[in-house]
Amino acid sequence: MDNTIIVALISLTGTLGGSLGGILVSSKLTNFRLQQLENKVAEHNSFARRMPVLEERIEQFEHRINRMEEHYDD
């Protein structure tokens, strides 16, 4: 076989290996970042679910404080 053909085949193999390796690493990084975003969204959704409950509790506490203030102002 001619040396140029051997060099071309080795170059092709190296190019394909490098390209596939880059694709795999990029894919893993993308999947990792997506997972991190999903975790942040889940955390935000948990916070958004709890917020109305906290607002209601604060409102209850405000009413209790107002009643106490009215009671002690008399």
Protein backbone atom coordinates (compact mmCIF):
# COMPACT_ATOMS: atom_id res chain seq x y z
CA MET A 1 0.00 0.00 0.00
CA ASP A 2 1.18 3.50 -0.74
CA ASN A 3 2.39 5.61 2.22
CA THR A 4 -0.03 8.44 1.36
CA ILE A 5 -2.97 6.06 1.65
CA ILE A 6 -1.75 4.81 5.04
CA VAL A 7 -1.28 8.38 6.28
CA ALA A 8 -4.74 9.31 4.95
CA LEU A 9 -6.34 6.34 6.76
CA ILE A 10 -4.55 7.21 10.01
CA SER A 11 -5.64 10.84 9.64
CA LEU A 12 -9.22 9.73 8.97
CA THR A 13 -9.19 7.50 12.04
CA GLY A 14 -7.80 10.32 14.20
CA THR A 15 -10.29 12.82 12.85
CA LEU A 16 -13.25 10.49 13.40
CA GLY A 17 -12.04 9.61 16.92
CA GLY A 18 -11.54 13.24 17.84
CA SER A 19 -14.90 14.28 16.45
CA LEU A 20 -16.78 11.48 18.18
CA GLY A 21 -14.93 12.18 21.44
CA GLY A 22 -15.84 15.86 21.21
CA ILE A 23 -19.47 15.03 20.54
CA LEU A 24 -19.61 12.68 23.54
CA VAL A 25 -18.00 15.20 25.90
CA SER A 26 -20.27 17.97 24.65
CA SER A 27 -23.30 15.73 25.08
CA LYS A 28 -22.33 14.87 28.65
CA LEU A 29 -21.80 18.53 29.48
CA THR A 30 -25.17 19.46 27.98
CA ASN A 31 -26.91 16.71 29.93
CA PHE A 32 -25.20 17.84 33.14
CA ARG A 33 -26.25 21.45 32.62
CA LEU A 34 -29.83 20.40 31.82
CA GLN A 35 -29.93 18.36 35.03
CA GLN A 36 -28.71 21.36 37.01
CA LEU A 37 -31.40 23.56 35.45
CA GLU A 38 -34.07 20.95 36.21
CA ASN A 39 -32.91 20.90 39.85
CA LYS A 40 -33.16 24.69 40.04
CA VAL A 41 -36.64 24.64 38.49
CA ALA A 42 -37.76 21.99 40.97
CA GLU A 43 -36.39 24.09 43.84
CA HIS A 44 -38.18 27.16 42.50
CA ASN A 45 -41.45 25.25 42.11
CA SER A 46 -41.19 24.07 45.70
CA PHE A 47 -40.67 27.65 46.84
CA ALA A 48 -43.56 28.90 44.69
CA ARG A 49 -45.83 26.24 46.23
CA ARG A 50 -44.90 27.22 49.78
CA MET A 51 -45.16 30.98 49.29
CA PRO A 52 -49.00 31.24 49.39
CA VAL A 53 -48.99 29.18 52.59
CA LEU A 54 -46.49 31.59 54.16
CA GLU A 55 -48.50 34.60 53.03
CA GLU A 56 -51.60 33.15 54.65
CA ARG A 57 -49.73 32.46 57.89
CA ILE A 58 -48.35 36.02 57.93
CA GLU A 59 -51.85 37.36 57.46
CA GLN A 60 -53.06 35.25 60.39
CA PHE A 61 -50.23 36.52 62.57
CA GLU A 62 -51.00 40.10 61.62
CA HIS A 63 -54.63 39.62 62.68
CA ARG A 64 -53.54 38.10 65.97
CA ILE A 65 -51.14 40.97 66.62
CA ASN A 66 -53.84 43.52 65.80
CA ARG A 67 -56.26 41.83 68.20
CA MET A 68 -53.62 41.78 70.93
CA GLU A 69 -52.83 45.44 70.37
CA GLU A 70 -56.55 46.30 70.55
CA HIS A 71 -56.92 44.26 73.74
CA TYR A 72 -53.96 45.93 75.48
CA ASP A 73 -54.84 49.41 74.24
CA ASP A 74 -58.13 49.27 76.16
